[in-house]
Amino acid sequence: CSLTVKLGEQVASSFRTFEFSYSYKTSTGVVKKNTASYYILNIQDSSSSSSKPKLMVSDFSSDTTIKAGETFNFSLDIHNTNATVDAKNIKVIITSESGSFSVTEGGNSFFINSIKAGETESITINLKASAALTTGSYPINVRMEYEYDGMKDEKDGVVDEELNVSAKESLRPSVQNIQFGGWKTPVVNQASTLSAQFNNMGKSTLNNVYVTVSGDFMLANNSTSYYIGNLMAGSPMYEEFDVIPLVSGEACGILTLHMEDSTGEEFSVDKEFTAFISSSGNIDADNGVEWNTDEGDFPDFGDIDVEPEKKEIPKWVFFAGGGVLVVAAVVVVTVIVKKKKKEEEDNDEY
């Protein structure tokens, strides 16, 4: 025979023993009673969590490296972990309580009609990272509100997850005002001073900063690099170090600034520079002519006309000059007459 049974609402999940009693008469008319036991396995309680569809973010990603002040597409994979019950009328809400990320357009919520048992749905939203972010990890909050068959309490259909997303700060180092040799023209294969200004226009300190030189130049003293230290945000740094030019004439070099961000990742910035390099001896700064004073080799400046320019003297000069001569003659005569008169008076007294 077969029996149809109904489980009570308070039966817990797991397995239970099903017992039933029966009686019968023997051939002699004696009535006997007996009990039979059977095990019922895999009982599911509709009020327990095992029958609820549980949604979770199984994976997330961005289409590019997340950098401060830039936009990116953020994708989520939402998985229904329940093997038998579907989730439906799903609302996904994405927020960033720290203000690290914001939605570029539209709303921050999505609607999904349903996610069948054991299946996954994906959504994508365009976000913008705050320009104030430094390199590190920042939270994105995801709330999933949904319904399912047999749902008794709305609280049973809410799941909150916090996703940690890595972002990089906007690194803005620069190299400016490169000067080589100062007022004195540098000579090939001889060390001269190179000076430069290093700026950190980002938000955080740049660590383990050092420079290298390549192209037609090399660092002096057989050095491969010149160590600077840490470059603070918003504080320019001026450095000087000795560099040797390897060619004469117009030489081209590359000054490379190496550094680490707050996570220890290394990157670099190149800055080209040029300088005129003398082959030996001295250089005439005004004419750009090079010579060797030790060998008496002086520059040839070409034919120089040293004869003064002849100019016609204006006629008024002669008239003015004649007048001056007349006045001078009168003065001389007057002086002579007075002197002679003085001598005569002195002789009369004696």
Protein backbone atom coordinates (compact mmCIF):
# COMPACT_ATOMS: atom_id res chain seq x y z
CA CYS A 1 0.00 0.00 0.00
CA SER A 2 1.02 3.64 -0.25
CA LEU A 3 0.53 6.50 2.13
CA THR A 4 0.59 10.26 1.59
CA VAL A 5 1.89 12.30 4.48
CA LYS A 6 2.26 16.04 5.14
CA LEU A 7 5.06 17.55 7.17
CA GLY A 8 4.20 20.04 9.84
CA GLU A 9 5.32 23.65 9.50
CA GLN A 10 7.53 23.36 12.58
CA VAL A 11 9.54 20.42 11.29
CA ALA A 12 13.22 21.40 11.17
CA SER A 13 15.44 20.58 8.26
CA SER A 14 17.72 17.52 8.25
CA PHE A 15 16.12 14.05 8.56
CA ARG A 16 13.34 12.62 10.70
CA THR A 17 12.03 9.19 11.67
CA PHE A 18 8.58 8.37 10.39
CA GLU A 19 6.78 5.74 12.55
CA PHE A 20 3.39 4.12 12.12
CA SER A 21 1.55 1.41 14.00
CA TYR A 22 -0.63 -1.33 12.59
CA SER A 23 -2.64 -4.26 13.95
CA TYR A 24 -3.86 -7.55 12.48
CA LYS A 25 -5.58 -10.79 13.41
CA THR A 26 -4.05 -14.16 13.27
CA SER A 27 -5.76 -17.24 11.84
CA THR A 28 -6.86 -18.09 15.32
CA GLY A 29 -8.51 -14.69 15.71
CA VAL A 30 -5.90 -13.19 18.00
CA VAL A 31 -5.35 -9.43 17.46
CA LYS A 32 -1.70 -8.31 17.34
CA LYS A 33 -0.15 -4.83 17.11
CA ASN A 34 3.21 -3.75 15.64
CA THR A 35 5.19 -0.56 14.90
CA ALA A 36 7.29 0.19 11.80
CA SER A 37 9.92 2.97 11.50
CA TYR A 38 11.15 4.70 8.33
CA TYR A 39 13.76 7.52 7.86
CA ILE A 40 12.81 10.57 5.82
CA LEU A 41 15.93 12.35 4.49
CA ASN A 42 16.66 15.89 3.11
CA ILE A 43 13.80 17.64 4.80
CA GLN A 44 13.81 21.37 3.89
CA ASP A 45 12.20 23.90 6.16
CA SER A 46 10.63 26.80 4.24
CA SER A 47 11.36 29.10 7.21
CA SER A 48 15.06 28.21 7.32
CA SER A 49 17.91 29.88 5.40
CA SER A 50 18.50 26.80 3.29
CA SER A 51 15.41 27.55 1.24
CA LYS A 52 16.20 31.24 0.74
CA PRO A 53 17.97 32.45 -2.35
CA LYS A 54 21.22 33.98 -1.14
CA LEU A 55 22.69 36.62 -3.44
CA MET A 56 26.36 37.54 -3.35
CA VAL A 57 28.89 39.47 -5.47
CA SER A 58 30.99 36.66 -6.88
CA ASP A 59 33.36 38.93 -8.82
CA PHE A 60 33.99 42.58 -9.69
CA SER A 61 36.39 44.45 -11.95
CA SER A 62 37.13 47.73 -13.75
CA ASP A 63 37.93 48.21 -17.41
CA THR A 64 41.08 50.21 -16.62
CA THR A 65 43.42 51.10 -13.78
CA ILE A 66 41.48 53.31 -11.41
CA LYS A 67 43.24 56.68 -11.12
CA ALA A 68 42.33 59.73 -9.09
CA GLY A 69 40.12 62.16 -10.99
CA GLU A 70 39.38 59.74 -13.85
CA THR A 71 36.29 57.74 -14.87
CA PHE A 72 36.04 53.96 -15.25
CA ASN A 73 33.47 51.22 -15.87
CA PHE A 74 32.84 49.12 -12.78
CA SER A 75 31.33 45.65 -13.37
CA LEU A 76 29.67 43.29 -10.86
CA ASP A 77 28.81 39.60 -11.11
CA ILE A 78 25.85 38.74 -8.85
CA HIS A 79 25.39 35.05 -8.11
CA ASN A 80 22.40 33.19 -6.63
CA THR A 81 23.96 30.55 -4.39
CA ASN A 82 20.70 28.67 -3.76
CA ALA A 83 20.34 25.47 -5.77
CA THR A 84 16.53 25.39 -5.93
CA VAL A 85 14.97 28.84 -5.32
CA ASP A 86 15.03 31.78 -7.72
CA ALA A 87 15.50 35.41 -6.69
CA LYS A 88 13.28 37.95 -8.42
CA ASN A 89 12.53 41.68 -8.53
CA ILE A 90 16.14 42.42 -7.64
CA LYS A 91 17.31 45.99 -6.94
CA VAL A 92 21.05 46.62 -6.80
CA ILE A 93 22.23 49.90 -5.19
CA ILE A 94 25.87 51.03 -5.42
CA THR A 95 27.17 53.74 -3.08
CA SER A 96 30.45 55.11 -1.75
CA GLU A 97 30.02 56.51 1.74
CA SER A 98 33.59 57.79 1.84
CA GLY A 99 32.98 59.97 -1.22
CA SER A 100 35.79 58.23 -3.05
CA PHE A 101 33.61 57.39 -6.07
CA SER A 102 30.57 58.97 -7.68
CA VAL A 103 28.18 58.03 -10.48
CA THR A 104 28.93 59.98 -13.66
CA GLU A 105 25.40 59.94 -15.06
CA GLY A 106 21.99 58.47 -14.25
CA GLY A 107 21.19 56.77 -10.96
CA ASN A 108 23.19 54.45 -8.77
CA SER A 109 20.63 51.60 -8.76
CA PHE A 110 19.84 48.79 -11.20
CA PHE A 111 16.87 46.47 -11.63
CA ILE A 112 17.21 42.78 -12.49
CA ASN A 113 14.06 40.82 -13.24
CA SER A 114 15.33 37.56 -11.76
CA ILE A 115 18.40 35.42 -11.13
CA LYS A 116 17.60 31.74 -11.35
CA ALA A 117 18.91 29.27 -8.82
CA GLY A 118 22.64 28.72 -9.25
CA GLU A 119 22.98 31.35 -12.00
CA THR A 120 24.84 34.68 -12.30
CA GLU A 121 23.93 38.09 -13.73
CA SER A 122 26.32 40.97 -14.51
CA ILE A 123 25.83 44.74 -14.35
CA THR A 124 28.14 47.66 -15.22
CA ILE A 125 28.12 51.24 -13.94
CA ASN A 126 30.31 54.19 -14.89
CA LEU A 127 32.02 55.80 -11.89
CA LYS A 128 34.47 58.64 -11.32
CA ALA A 129 37.25 58.50 -8.74
CA SER A 130 37.79 61.53 -6.52
CA ALA A 131 40.75 63.71 -7.53
CA ALA A 132 41.89 63.73 -3.89
CA LEU A 133 42.56 59.99 -3.75
CA THR A 134 46.01 58.74 -2.87
CA THR A 135 47.22 55.26 -3.75
CA GLY A 136 45.35 52.70 -1.65
CA SER A 137 42.17 50.66 -1.21
CA TYR A 138 38.71 52.25 -0.95
CA PRO A 139 35.26 50.72 -0.22
CA ILE A 140 32.31 50.48 -2.58
CA ASN A 141 29.05 49.43 -0.92
CA VAL A 142 26.58 47.15 -2.73
CA ARG A 143 23.06 46.54 -1.43
CA MET A 144 20.83 43.88 -3.03
CA GLU A 145 17.10 43.87 -2.29
CA TYR A 146 15.06 40.99 -3.76
CA GLU A 147 12.04 38.72 -3.39
CA TYR A 148 11.45 34.97 -3.67
CA ASP A 149 8.58 32.51 -3.43
CA GLY A 150 7.57 31.77 0.15
CA MET A 151 9.14 34.98 1.46
CA LYS A 152 7.61 36.00 4.80
CA ASP A 153 9.72 38.98 5.88
CA GLU A 154 11.21 41.72 3.73
CA LYS A 155 14.35 41.61 5.84
CA ASP A 156 15.02 38.14 4.49
CA GLY A 157 15.57 39.61 1.04
CA VAL A 158 18.33 42.12 1.83
CA VAL A 159 22.07 41.58 1.42
CA ASP A 160 24.81 44.19 2.00
CA GLU A 161 28.38 43.77 0.76
CA GLU A 162 31.44 46.00 0.94
CA LEU A 163 33.96 45.72 -1.89
CA ASN A 164 37.49 47.06 -1.52
CA VAL A 165 38.72 48.66 -4.74
CA SER A 166 42.33 49.68 -5.40
CA ALA A 167 43.00 53.15 -6.80
CA LYS A 168 46.13 55.03 -7.74
CA GLU A 169 46.83 58.65 -6.99
CA SER A 170 47.48 61.15 -9.76
CA LEU A 171 51.28 61.32 -9.76
CA ARG A 172 52.55 64.63 -11.14
CA PRO A 173 56.33 64.89 -10.87
CA SER A 174 58.24 67.23 -13.17
CA VAL A 175 61.81 68.25 -14.02
CA GLN A 176 62.45 71.90 -14.90
CA ASN A 177 65.18 74.53 -15.32
CA ILE A 178 68.02 72.22 -16.29
CA GLN A 179 71.30 74.16 -16.50
CA PHE A 180 74.67 72.65 -17.43
CA GLY A 181 78.07 74.29 -17.02
CA GLY A 182 76.86 77.60 -15.60
CA TRP A 183 78.69 80.68 -16.99
CA LYS A 184 81.66 78.63 -18.16
CA THR A 185 81.41 76.60 -21.34
CA PRO A 186 81.83 72.88 -20.48
CA VAL A 187 84.62 70.87 -22.07
CA VAL A 188 84.28 67.34 -23.44
CA ASN A 189 85.35 64.57 -21.02
CA GLN A 190 85.61 67.07 -18.16
CA ALA A 191 83.12 67.23 -15.30
CA SER A 192 80.80 70.23 -15.07
CA THR A 193 77.89 71.01 -12.77
CA LEU A 194 74.35 70.18 -13.84
CA SER A 195 71.53 71.78 -11.84
CA ALA A 196 67.79 71.07 -12.04
CA GLN A 197 64.53 71.76 -10.24
CA PHE A 198 62.33 68.79 -9.25
CA ASN A 199 58.64 69.35 -8.46
CA ASN A 200 56.01 67.09 -6.89
CA MET A 201 52.59 68.48 -7.82
CA GLY A 202 50.73 65.39 -6.56
CA LYS A 203 49.01 64.75 -3.22
CA SER A 204 51.51 62.50 -1.45
CA THR A 205 55.25 62.14 -0.92
CA LEU A 206 57.41 60.50 -3.56
CA ASN A 207 59.94 58.15 -1.98
CA ASN A 208 63.48 57.00 -2.81
CA VAL A 209 63.96 59.59 -5.53
CA TYR A 210 67.14 59.41 -7.60
CA VAL A 211 68.31 60.56 -11.04
CA THR A 212 70.27 59.02 -13.89
CA VAL A 213 71.82 60.63 -16.96
CA SER A 214 72.02 59.13 -20.45
CA GLY A 215 72.60 60.19 -24.06
CA ASP A 216 75.73 62.28 -24.67
CA PHE A 217 76.41 62.63 -20.92
CA MET A 218 77.30 60.48 -17.92
CA LEU A 219 77.51 61.06 -14.18
CA ALA A 220 80.98 61.87 -12.84
CA ASN A 221 83.01 59.67 -10.46
CA ASN A 222 81.83 56.48 -12.20
CA SER A 223 78.41 56.88 -10.57
CA THR A 224 75.36 55.22 -12.09
CA SER A 225 72.83 57.34 -10.19
CA TYR A 226 72.52 60.36 -7.91
CA TYR A 227 70.29 59.83 -4.85
CA ILE A 228 68.00 62.68 -3.76
CA GLY A 229 65.71 61.16 -1.08
CA ASN A 230 62.02 61.95 -0.59
CA LEU A 231 60.23 64.61 -2.60
CA MET A 232 57.45 66.20 -0.56
CA ALA A 233 54.18 67.24 -2.18
CA GLY A 234 54.09 70.92 -3.11
CA SER A 235 57.77 71.51 -2.24
CA PRO A 236 60.22 72.06 -5.11
CA MET A 237 63.74 70.71 -4.69
CA TYR A 238 66.92 72.06 -6.31
CA GLU A 239 69.86 69.72 -6.85
CA GLU A 240 73.35 70.01 -8.33
CA PHE A 241 75.67 67.17 -9.35
CA ASP A 242 78.66 66.64 -11.61
CA VAL A 243 78.14 65.36 -15.15
CA ILE A 244 80.67 64.58 -17.89
CA PRO A 245 79.88 65.41 -21.55
CA LEU A 246 81.01 62.67 -23.94
CA VAL A 247 80.92 64.61 -27.23
CA SER A 248 81.82 68.11 -28.38
CA GLY A 249 79.53 70.51 -30.16
CA GLU A 250 75.77 70.30 -29.63
CA ALA A 251 75.26 67.49 -27.10
CA CYS A 252 71.85 65.97 -26.22
CA GLY A 253 71.15 64.27 -22.91
CA ILE A 254 68.27 62.73 -20.97
CA LEU A 255 67.83 63.38 -17.25
CA THR A 256 65.63 60.63 -15.78
CA LEU A 257 63.87 61.08 -12.45
CA HIS A 258 63.17 57.74 -10.70
CA MET A 259 60.83 57.42 -7.71
CA GLU A 260 58.39 55.20 -5.77
CA ASP A 261 54.76 55.88 -4.88
CA SER A 262 53.21 55.14 -1.49
CA THR A 263 52.84 51.43 -2.35
CA GLY A 264 56.49 51.03 -3.36
CA GLU A 265 55.80 50.81 -7.09
CA GLU A 266 58.60 52.47 -9.09
CA PHE A 267 58.12 54.76 -12.07
CA SER A 268 60.18 57.39 -13.87
CA VAL A 269 59.99 60.68 -15.81
CA ASP A 270 62.40 61.69 -18.62
CA LYS A 271 63.50 65.23 -19.44
CA GLU A 272 65.70 66.03 -22.44
CA PHE A 273 68.32 68.78 -22.36
CA THR A 274 71.02 70.14 -24.70
CA ALA A 275 74.30 72.01 -24.21
CA PHE A 276 77.19 73.29 -26.34
CA ILE A 277 80.38 71.42 -25.45
CA SER A 278 83.89 72.71 -26.20
CA SER A 279 86.40 70.21 -27.61
CA SER A 280 89.26 71.71 -25.50
CA GLY A 281 90.77 75.00 -24.29
CA ASN A 282 88.59 78.06 -24.13
CA ILE A 283 85.63 79.55 -25.87
CA ASP A 284 84.88 83.14 -26.77
CA ALA A 285 81.42 83.74 -25.34
CA ASP A 286 80.58 86.67 -27.64
CA ASN A 287 81.73 85.20 -30.93
CA GLY A 288 81.37 81.47 -30.23
CA VAL A 289 84.99 80.91 -31.37
CA GLU A 290 87.10 78.28 -29.69
CA TRP A 291 90.88 78.45 -29.19
CA ASN A 292 93.68 76.92 -27.17
CA THR A 293 95.62 79.51 -25.17
CA ASP A 294 98.35 77.02 -24.20
CA GLU A 295 99.49 76.73 -27.83
CA GLY A 296 99.08 80.40 -28.62
CA ASP A 297 96.18 79.65 -30.91
CA PHE A 298 93.94 82.68 -30.69
CA PRO A 299 90.72 83.17 -32.57
CA ASP A 300 90.64 84.81 -35.96
CA PHE A 301 88.11 87.60 -35.71
CA GLY A 302 88.65 88.64 -39.39
CA ASP A 303 89.73 92.04 -40.72
CA ILE A 304 89.00 94.75 -38.18
CA ASP A 305 89.09 98.38 -39.40
CA VAL A 306 90.75 100.36 -36.62
CA GLU A 307 90.92 103.74 -38.52
CA PRO A 308 88.58 106.19 -36.81
CA GLU A 309 85.72 107.48 -38.78
CA LYS A 310 86.36 110.87 -40.40
CA LYS A 311 83.73 113.47 -39.87
CA GLU A 312 83.51 117.05 -41.20
CA ILE A 313 83.84 119.72 -38.51
CA PRO A 314 80.92 122.18 -38.58
CA LYS A 315 81.70 125.80 -39.49
CA TRP A 316 80.19 127.18 -36.33
CA VAL A 317 83.01 125.54 -34.42
CA PHE A 318 85.53 127.82 -36.16
CA PHE A 319 83.53 130.95 -35.35
CA ALA A 320 83.10 129.89 -31.77
CA GLY A 321 86.77 129.03 -31.57
CA GLY A 322 87.81 132.42 -32.96
CA GLY A 323 85.75 134.17 -30.35
CA VAL A 324 87.40 132.21 -27.60
CA LEU A 325 90.87 133.11 -28.92
CA VAL A 326 90.02 136.85 -28.93
CA VAL A 327 88.79 136.72 -25.34
CA ALA A 328 91.89 134.82 -24.29
CA ALA A 329 94.16 137.45 -25.92
CA VAL A 330 92.43 140.31 -24.10
CA VAL A 331 92.80 138.54 -20.77
CA VAL A 332 96.52 137.93 -21.36
CA VAL A 333 97.18 141.60 -22.31
CA THR A 334 95.30 142.85 -19.25
CA VAL A 335 97.34 140.61 -16.93
CA ILE A 336 100.65 141.80 -18.46
CA VAL A 337 99.72 145.52 -18.09
CA LYS A 338 98.72 145.09 -14.44
CA LYS A 339 101.91 143.19 -13.65
CA LYS A 340 104.12 145.88 -15.20
CA LYS A 341 102.32 148.68 -13.35
CA LYS A 342 102.80 146.80 -10.08
CA GLU A 343 106.56 146.60 -10.68
CA GLU A 344 106.85 150.39 -11.30
CA GLU A 345 105.04 151.18 -8.03
CA ASP A 346 107.42 148.95 -6.09
CA ASN A 347 110.49 150.68 -7.58
CA ASP A 348 109.20 154.18 -6.60
CA GLU A 349 108.95 153.13 -2.93
CA TYR A 350 112.67 152.40 -2.85
